[in-house]
Amino acid sequence: MKDFMYELFQFMKWSEEMKDKYSRLSDKEKEIVNEFAPFSENPETLNTEITKWYEELHKKVTY
């Protein structure tokens, strides 16, 4: 579980970076990104969900 939590933490940090980069895109660029994304959520929403996942799991897990 320790390894999984480490990777999830890295994923959370990466999603934060993607959220920041996404926020700097123009509206047209955001439309393009959203059109070709393999999921319905945008990077901002994904970051929120990934962070929530990490925080909730972190509360429950003992190392």
PDB file of N, CA and C in Angstrom:
ATOM      1  N   MET A   1       0.823  -1.197   0.000  1.00  0.00           N
ATOM      2  CA  MET A   1       0.000   0.000   0.000  1.00  0.00           C
ATOM      3  C   MET A   1       0.868   1.261   0.000  1.00  0.00           C
ATOM      4  N   LYS A   2       2.000   1.175   0.634  1.00  0.00           N
ATOM      5  CA  LYS A   2       2.897   2.329   0.687  1.00  0.00           C
ATOM      6  C   LYS A   2       3.288   2.776  -0.720  1.00  0.00           C
ATOM      7  N   ASP A   3       3.614   1.812  -1.580  1.00  0.00           N
ATOM      8  CA  ASP A   3       3.991   2.141  -2.959  1.00  0.00           C
ATOM      9  C   ASP A   3       2.821   2.754  -3.724  1.00  0.00           C
ATOM     10  N   PHE A   4       1.640   2.196  -3.503  1.00  0.00           N
ATOM     11  CA  PHE A   4       0.462   2.733  -4.174  1.00  0.00           C
ATOM     12  C   PHE A   4       0.212   4.175  -3.747  1.00  0.00           C
ATOM     13  N   MET A   5       0.305   4.428  -2.459  1.00  0.00           N
ATOM     14  CA  MET A   5       0.071   5.785  -1.953  1.00  0.00           C
ATOM     15  C   MET A   5       1.113   6.761  -2.498  1.00  0.00           C
ATOM     16  N   TYR A   6       2.331   6.299  -2.620  1.00  0.00           N
ATOM     17  CA  TYR A   6       3.368   7.156  -3.201  1.00  0.00           C
ATOM     18  C   TYR A   6       2.997   7.525  -4.640  1.00  0.00           C
ATOM     19  N   GLU A   7       2.603   6.537  -5.420  1.00  0.00           N
ATOM     20  CA  GLU A   7       2.238   6.786  -6.819  1.00  0.00           C
ATOM     21  C   GLU A   7       0.990   7.657  -6.919  1.00  0.00           C
ATOM     22  N   LEU A   8       0.038   7.449  -6.047  1.00  0.00           N
ATOM     23  CA  LEU A   8      -1.167   8.276  -6.044  1.00  0.00           C
ATOM     24  C   LEU A   8      -0.818   9.721  -5.693  1.00  0.00           C
ATOM     25  N   PHE A   9       0.103   9.898  -4.759  1.00  0.00           N
ATOM     26  CA  PHE A   9       0.558  11.243  -4.411  1.00  0.00           C
ATOM     27  C   PHE A   9       1.217  11.907  -5.620  1.00  0.00           C
ATOM     28  N   GLN A  10       2.047  11.159  -6.344  1.00  0.00           N
ATOM     29  CA  GLN A  10       2.694  11.696  -7.544  1.00  0.00           C
ATOM     30  C   GLN A  10       1.651  12.055  -8.602  1.00  0.00           C
ATOM     31  N   PHE A  11       0.652  11.207  -8.740  1.00  0.00           N
ATOM     32  CA  PHE A  11      -0.446  11.452  -9.676  1.00  0.00           C
ATOM     33  C   PHE A  11      -1.190  12.726  -9.288  1.00  0.00           C
ATOM     34  N   MET A  12      -1.413  12.928  -7.998  1.00  0.00           N
ATOM     35  CA  MET A  12      -2.082  14.132  -7.514  1.00  0.00           C
ATOM     36  C   MET A  12      -1.247  15.373  -7.843  1.00  0.00           C
ATOM     37  N   LYS A  13       0.051  15.301  -7.625  1.00  0.00           N
ATOM     38  CA  LYS A  13       0.919  16.438  -7.949  1.00  0.00           C
ATOM     39  C   LYS A  13       0.899  16.715  -9.448  1.00  0.00           C
ATOM     40  N   TRP A  14       0.960  15.673 -10.254  1.00  0.00           N
ATOM     41  CA  TRP A  14       0.923  15.828 -11.709  1.00  0.00           C
ATOM     42  C   TRP A  14      -0.407  16.456 -12.143  1.00  0.00           C
ATOM     43  N   SER A  15      -1.499  16.015 -11.537  1.00  0.00           N
ATOM     44  CA  SER A  15      -2.804  16.573 -11.913  1.00  0.00           C
ATOM     45  C   SER A  15      -2.903  18.047 -11.521  1.00  0.00           C
ATOM     46  N   GLU A  16      -2.218  18.432 -10.457  1.00  0.00           N
ATOM     47  CA  GLU A  16      -2.176  19.848 -10.066  1.00  0.00           C
ATOM     48  C   GLU A  16      -1.446  20.665 -11.138  1.00  0.00           C
ATOM     49  N   GLU A  17      -0.351  20.127 -11.638  1.00  0.00           N
ATOM     50  CA  GLU A  17       0.393  20.810 -12.708  1.00  0.00           C
ATOM     51  C   GLU A  17      -0.454  20.924 -13.968  1.00  0.00           C
ATOM     52  N   MET A  18      -1.152  19.847 -14.319  1.00  0.00           N
ATOM     53  CA  MET A  18      -2.018  19.874 -15.501  1.00  0.00           C
ATOM     54  C   MET A  18      -3.141  20.892 -15.327  1.00  0.00           C
ATOM     55  N   LYS A  19      -3.711  20.954 -14.145  1.00  0.00           N
ATOM     56  CA  LYS A  19      -4.771  21.925 -13.860  1.00  0.00           C
ATOM     57  C   LYS A  19      -4.255  23.344 -14.065  1.00  0.00           C
ATOM     58  N   ASP A  20      -3.058  23.608 -13.568  1.00  0.00           N
ATOM     59  CA  ASP A  20      -2.473  24.942 -13.721  1.00  0.00           C
ATOM     60  C   ASP A  20      -2.225  25.280 -15.189  1.00  0.00           C
ATOM     61  N   LYS A  21      -1.687  24.327 -15.932  1.00  0.00           N
ATOM     62  CA  LYS A  21      -1.433  24.559 -17.365  1.00  0.00           C
ATOM     63  C   LYS A  21      -2.745  24.753 -18.123  1.00  0.00           C
ATOM     64  N   TYR A  22      -3.741  23.954 -17.781  1.00  0.00           N
ATOM     65  CA  TYR A  22      -5.053  24.051 -18.421  1.00  0.00           C
ATOM     66  C   TYR A  22      -5.673  25.424 -18.178  1.00  0.00           C
ATOM     67  N   SER A  23      -5.519  25.940 -16.977  1.00  0.00           N
ATOM     68  CA  SER A  23      -6.121  27.238 -16.646  1.00  0.00           C
ATOM     69  C   SER A  23      -5.519  28.377 -17.463  1.00  0.00           C
ATOM     70  N   ARG A  24      -4.337  28.172 -18.007  1.00  0.00           N
ATOM     71  CA  ARG A  24      -3.680  29.208 -18.813  1.00  0.00           C
ATOM     72  C   ARG A  24      -4.049  29.146 -20.297  1.00  0.00           C
ATOM     73  N   LEU A  25      -4.776  28.120 -20.681  1.00  0.00           N
ATOM     74  CA  LEU A  25      -5.177  27.994 -22.081  1.00  0.00           C
ATOM     75  C   LEU A  25      -6.284  28.988 -22.416  1.00  0.00           C
ATOM     76  N   SER A  26      -6.370  29.317 -23.689  1.00  0.00           N
ATOM     77  CA  SER A  26      -7.493  30.140 -24.152  1.00  0.00           C
ATOM     78  C   SER A  26      -8.760  29.280 -24.146  1.00  0.00           C
ATOM     79  N   ASP A  27      -9.898  29.916 -24.265  1.00  0.00           N
ATOM     80  CA  ASP A  27     -11.157  29.174 -24.309  1.00  0.00           C
ATOM     81  C   ASP A  27     -11.181  28.206 -25.490  1.00  0.00           C
ATOM     82  N   LYS A  28     -10.666  28.642 -26.623  1.00  0.00           N
ATOM     83  CA  LYS A  28     -10.626  27.782 -27.818  1.00  0.00           C
ATOM     84  C   LYS A  28      -9.737  26.561 -27.571  1.00  0.00           C
ATOM     85  N   GLU A  29      -8.585  26.782 -26.949  1.00  0.00           N
ATOM     86  CA  GLU A  29      -7.682  25.664 -26.643  1.00  0.00           C
ATOM     87  C   GLU A  29      -8.325  24.697 -25.649  1.00  0.00           C
ATOM     88  N   LYS A  30      -9.044  25.234 -24.678  1.00  0.00           N
ATOM     89  CA  LYS A  30      -9.744  24.373 -23.714  1.00  0.00           C
ATOM     90  C   LYS A  30     -10.789  23.516 -24.420  1.00  0.00           C
ATOM     91  N   GLU A  31     -11.487  24.104 -25.394  1.00  0.00           N
ATOM     92  CA  GLU A  31     -12.476  23.345 -26.166  1.00  0.00           C
ATOM     93  C   GLU A  31     -11.815  22.178 -26.884  1.00  0.00           C
ATOM     94  N   ILE A  32     -10.654  22.432 -27.478  1.00  0.00           N
ATOM     95  CA  ILE A  32      -9.930  21.380 -28.200  1.00  0.00           C
ATOM     96  C   ILE A  32      -9.504  20.277 -27.238  1.00  0.00           C
ATOM     97  N   VAL A  33      -8.929  20.661 -26.109  1.00  0.00           N
ATOM     98  CA  VAL A  33      -8.508  19.674 -25.107  1.00  0.00           C
ATOM     99  C   VAL A  33      -9.699  18.833 -24.669  1.00  0.00           C
ATOM    100  N   ASN A  34     -10.801  19.479 -24.352  1.00  0.00           N
ATOM    101  CA  ASN A  34     -11.987  18.761 -23.878  1.00  0.00           C
ATOM    102  C   ASN A  34     -12.581  17.859 -24.952  1.00  0.00           C
ATOM    103  N   GLU A  35     -12.513  18.300 -26.199  1.00  0.00           N
ATOM    104  CA  GLU A  35     -13.065  17.502 -27.303  1.00  0.00           C
ATOM    105  C   GLU A  35     -12.345  16.165 -27.448  1.00  0.00           C
ATOM    106  N   PHE A  36     -11.042  16.157 -27.240  1.00  0.00           N
ATOM    107  CA  PHE A  36     -10.260  14.949 -27.462  1.00  0.00           C
ATOM    108  C   PHE A  36      -9.896  14.197 -26.185  1.00  0.00           C
ATOM    109  N   ALA A  37     -10.337  14.683 -25.046  1.00  0.00           N
ATOM    110  CA  ALA A  37     -10.050  13.998 -23.779  1.00  0.00           C
ATOM    111  C   ALA A  37     -10.797  12.664 -23.733  1.00  0.00           C
ATOM    112  N   PRO A  38     -10.165  11.628 -23.189  1.00  0.00           N
ATOM    113  CA  PRO A  38     -10.818  10.314 -23.125  1.00  0.00           C
ATOM    114  C   PRO A  38     -11.792  10.184 -21.951  1.00  0.00           C
ATOM    115  N   PHE A  39     -12.137  11.300 -21.327  1.00  0.00           N
ATOM    116  CA  PHE A  39     -13.054  11.305 -20.191  1.00  0.00           C
ATOM    117  C   PHE A  39     -13.850  12.601 -20.239  1.00  0.00           C
ATOM    118  N   SER A  40     -14.918  12.675 -19.494  1.00  0.00           N
ATOM    119  CA  SER A  40     -15.798  13.848 -19.580  1.00  0.00           C
ATOM    120  C   SER A  40     -15.351  15.008 -18.694  1.00  0.00           C
ATOM    121  N   GLU A  41     -14.528  14.748 -17.684  1.00  0.00           N
ATOM    122  CA  GLU A  41     -14.085  15.810 -16.781  1.00  0.00           C
ATOM    123  C   GLU A  41     -12.923  16.592 -17.381  1.00  0.00           C
ATOM    124  N   ASN A  42     -12.868  17.870 -17.065  1.00  0.00           N
ATOM    125  CA  ASN A  42     -11.716  18.665 -17.490  1.00  0.00           C
ATOM    126  C   ASN A  42     -10.599  18.507 -16.447  1.00  0.00           C
ATOM    127  N   PRO A  43      -9.378  18.953 -16.742  1.00  0.00           N
ATOM    128  CA  PRO A  43      -8.269  18.784 -15.802  1.00  0.00           C
ATOM    129  C   PRO A  43      -8.506  19.403 -14.424  1.00  0.00           C
ATOM    130  N   GLU A  44      -9.275  20.471 -14.358  1.00  0.00           N
ATOM    131  CA  GLU A  44      -9.557  21.083 -13.053  1.00  0.00           C
ATOM    132  C   GLU A  44     -10.402  20.148 -12.185  1.00  0.00           C
ATOM    133  N   THR A  45     -11.421  19.570 -12.779  1.00  0.00           N
ATOM    134  CA  THR A  45     -12.281  18.636 -12.054  1.00  0.00           C
ATOM    135  C   THR A  45     -11.524  17.363 -11.705  1.00  0.00           C
ATOM    136  N   LEU A  46     -10.730  16.878 -12.633  1.00  0.00           N
ATOM    137  CA  LEU A  46      -9.931  15.684 -12.359  1.00  0.00           C
ATOM    138  C   LEU A  46      -9.002  15.902 -11.175  1.00  0.00           C
ATOM    139  N   ASN A  47      -8.362  17.051 -11.123  1.00  0.00           N
ATOM    140  CA  ASN A  47      -7.466  17.337 -10.003  1.00  0.00           C
ATOM    141  C   ASN A  47      -8.226  17.323  -8.682  1.00  0.00           C
ATOM    142  N   THR A  48      -9.397  17.901  -8.667  1.00  0.00           N
ATOM    143  CA  THR A  48     -10.208  17.905  -7.448  1.00  0.00           C
ATOM    144  C   THR A  48     -10.539  16.486  -7.012  1.00  0.00           C
ATOM    145  N   GLU A  49     -10.941  15.652  -7.959  1.00  0.00           N
ATOM    146  CA  GLU A  49     -11.304  14.270  -7.645  1.00  0.00           C
ATOM    147  C   GLU A  49     -10.092  13.446  -7.203  1.00  0.00           C
ATOM    148  N   ILE A  50      -8.975  13.616  -7.855  1.00  0.00           N
ATOM    149  CA  ILE A  50      -7.762  12.872  -7.495  1.00  0.00           C
ATOM    150  C   ILE A  50      -7.269  13.294  -6.113  1.00  0.00           C
ATOM    151  N   THR A  51      -7.310  14.583  -5.840  1.00  0.00           N
ATOM    152  CA  THR A  51      -6.899  15.081  -4.523  1.00  0.00           C
ATOM    153  C   THR A  51      -7.812  14.525  -3.438  1.00  0.00           C
ATOM    154  N   LYS A  52      -9.100  14.528  -3.700  1.00  0.00           N
ATOM    155  CA  LYS A  52     -10.064  13.975  -2.745  1.00  0.00           C
ATOM    156  C   LYS A  52      -9.785  12.491  -2.508  1.00  0.00           C
ATOM    157  N   TRP A  53      -9.524  11.745  -3.567  1.00  0.00           N
ATOM    158  CA  TRP A  53      -9.216  10.317  -3.477  1.00  0.00           C
ATOM    159  C   TRP A  53      -7.993  10.103  -2.586  1.00  0.00           C
ATOM    160  N   TYR A  54      -6.941  10.851  -2.858  1.00  0.00           N
ATOM    161  CA  TYR A  54      -5.719  10.718  -2.071  1.00  0.00           C
ATOM    162  C   TYR A  54      -5.979  11.051  -0.596  1.00  0.00           C
ATOM    163  N   GLU A  55      -6.624  12.163  -0.326  1.00  0.00           N
ATOM    164  CA  GLU A  55      -6.844  12.598   1.055  1.00  0.00           C
ATOM    165  C   GLU A  55      -7.715  11.621   1.839  1.00  0.00           C
ATOM    166  N   GLU A  56      -8.766  11.118   1.210  1.00  0.00           N
ATOM    167  CA  GLU A  56      -9.634  10.156   1.888  1.00  0.00           C
ATOM    168  C   GLU A  56      -8.898   8.846   2.161  1.00  0.00           C
ATOM    169  N   LEU A  57      -8.158   8.386   1.206  1.00  0.00           N
ATOM    170  CA  LEU A  57      -7.409   7.144   1.383  1.00  0.00           C
ATOM    171  C   LEU A  57      -6.303   7.318   2.419  1.00  0.00           C
ATOM    172  N   HIS A  58      -5.663   8.463   2.400  1.00  0.00           N
ATOM    173  CA  HIS A  58      -4.587   8.746   3.350  1.00  0.00           C
ATOM    174  C   HIS A  58      -5.092   8.692   4.798  1.00  0.00           C
ATOM    175  N   LYS A  59      -6.322   9.110   5.022  1.00  0.00           N
ATOM    176  CA  LYS A  59      -6.917   9.060   6.364  1.00  0.00           C
ATOM    177  C   LYS A  59      -7.116   7.623   6.848  1.00  0.00           C
ATOM    178  N   LYS A  60      -7.361   6.721   5.915  1.00  0.00           N
ATOM    179  CA  LYS A  60      -7.710   5.340   6.258  1.00  0.00           C
ATOM    180  C   LYS A  60      -6.512   4.395   6.314  1.00  0.00           C
ATOM    181  N   VAL A  61      -5.437   4.772   5.667  1.00  0.00           N
ATOM    182  CA  VAL A  61      -4.310   3.854   5.494  1.00  0.00           C
ATOM    183  C   VAL A  61      -3.272   4.053   6.594  1.00  0.00           C
ATOM    184  N   THR A  62      -2.773   2.941   7.083  1.00  0.00           N
ATOM    185  CA  THR A  62      -1.625   2.993   7.989  1.00  0.00           C
ATOM    186  C   THR A  62      -0.446   2.356   7.270  1.00  0.00           C
ATOM    187  N   TYR A  63       0.710   2.892   7.496  1.00  0.00           N
ATOM    188  CA  TYR A  63       1.895   2.396   6.787  1.00  0.00           C
ATOM    189  C   TYR A  63       2.672   1.460   7.654  1.00  0.00           C
TER     190      TYR A  63
END
